[in-house]
Amino acid sequence: MKILNFSGETYQAEKIVKTQNSIIGYNNNQEIFAFRGINDFSAFQLSEGQEWDVDEKVAESAYLLDLDFRISMIELGV
């Protein structure tokens, strides 16, 4: 269980995903809290030693983009 600290409150979730402008907590793939439209992330802290989770959709998109690039390089013979 991960713990997010913000404005004197704590929020717990199995996964806490940080995107470009939001933080979303999930339990069993269900969104349980969200902070959207964030400009300054300095007020949001995970408990010591914890790391942000990766948004699975973003990770999949990045993987597919990288795969497409590698295939293109192979086709060009580079």
Protein backbone atom coordinates (compact mmCIF):
# COMPACT_ATOMS: atom_id res chain seq x y z
CA MET A 1 0.00 0.00 0.00
CA LYS A 2 1.37 3.39 -0.97
CA ILE A 3 0.78 6.59 0.96
CA LEU A 4 0.46 10.06 -0.57
CA ASN A 5 0.80 13.09 1.70
CA PHE A 6 -0.85 16.34 0.61
CA SER A 7 -1.97 19.38 2.59
CA GLY A 8 -1.78 17.58 5.95
CA GLU A 9 -3.89 14.65 4.70
CA THR A 10 -2.84 11.12 3.77
CA TYR A 11 -4.25 9.07 0.92
CA GLN A 12 -3.63 5.33 0.56
CA ALA A 13 -3.80 3.23 -2.59
CA GLU A 14 -2.24 0.12 -4.10
CA LYS A 15 -0.99 2.19 -7.04
CA ILE A 16 -0.41 5.94 -7.21
CA VAL A 17 0.21 7.17 -10.74
CA LYS A 18 1.75 10.56 -11.50
CA THR A 19 1.12 11.92 -14.98
CA GLN A 20 2.06 15.20 -16.62
CA ASN A 21 -0.61 17.13 -14.68
CA SER A 22 -2.37 14.72 -12.32
CA ILE A 23 -2.00 12.17 -9.53
CA ILE A 24 -4.42 9.25 -9.39
CA GLY A 25 -4.74 6.51 -6.77
CA TYR A 26 -6.05 3.03 -7.65
CA ASN A 27 -7.19 -0.02 -5.71
CA ASN A 28 -7.97 -3.12 -7.79
CA ASN A 29 -7.73 -0.94 -10.94
CA GLN A 30 -10.53 1.28 -9.60
CA GLU A 31 -9.81 4.99 -9.23
CA ILE A 32 -10.21 5.95 -5.57
CA PHE A 33 -8.81 9.48 -5.58
CA ALA A 34 -7.53 11.94 -8.13
CA PHE A 35 -5.90 15.34 -8.23
CA ARG A 36 -6.11 16.82 -11.72
CA GLY A 37 -4.81 20.02 -13.27
CA ILE A 38 -1.71 20.15 -11.07
CA ASN A 39 0.85 22.82 -11.98
CA ASP A 40 3.14 22.40 -8.97
CA PHE A 41 3.80 18.90 -7.64
CA SER A 42 5.99 20.07 -4.74
CA ALA A 43 3.09 19.81 -2.24
CA PHE A 44 2.53 16.11 -3.06
CA GLN A 45 4.90 13.61 -1.43
CA LEU A 46 4.93 9.82 -1.31
CA SER A 47 6.01 8.20 1.95
CA GLU A 48 9.71 7.62 2.28
CA GLY A 49 11.15 5.03 -0.08
CA GLN A 50 8.05 4.83 -2.27
CA GLU A 51 8.03 5.56 -5.99
CA TRP A 52 5.32 6.68 -8.38
CA ASP A 53 3.67 3.99 -10.48
CA VAL A 54 3.70 4.18 -14.27
CA ASP A 55 0.47 4.83 -16.16
CA GLU A 56 -0.01 1.56 -18.07
CA LYS A 57 -1.49 3.31 -21.12
CA VAL A 58 1.44 5.70 -21.35
CA ALA A 59 3.94 2.86 -20.88
CA GLU A 60 2.23 0.80 -23.59
CA SER A 61 2.21 3.76 -26.00
CA ALA A 62 5.91 4.41 -25.36
CA TYR A 63 6.69 0.72 -25.92
CA LEU A 64 4.77 0.63 -29.21
CA LEU A 65 6.44 3.82 -30.40
CA ASP A 66 9.87 2.40 -29.58
CA LEU A 67 8.99 -0.86 -31.30
CA ASP A 68 7.84 0.99 -34.41
CA PHE A 69 11.12 2.95 -34.44
CA ARG A 70 13.19 -0.21 -34.14
CA ILE A 71 11.29 -1.92 -36.95
CA SER A 72 11.79 1.14 -39.16
CA MET A 73 15.55 1.05 -38.44
CA ILE A 74 15.70 -2.65 -39.35
CA GLU A 75 13.79 -2.00 -42.59
CA LEU A 76 16.27 0.76 -43.46
CA GLY A 77 19.17 -1.59 -42.74
CA VAL A 78 20.65 0.56 -40.03
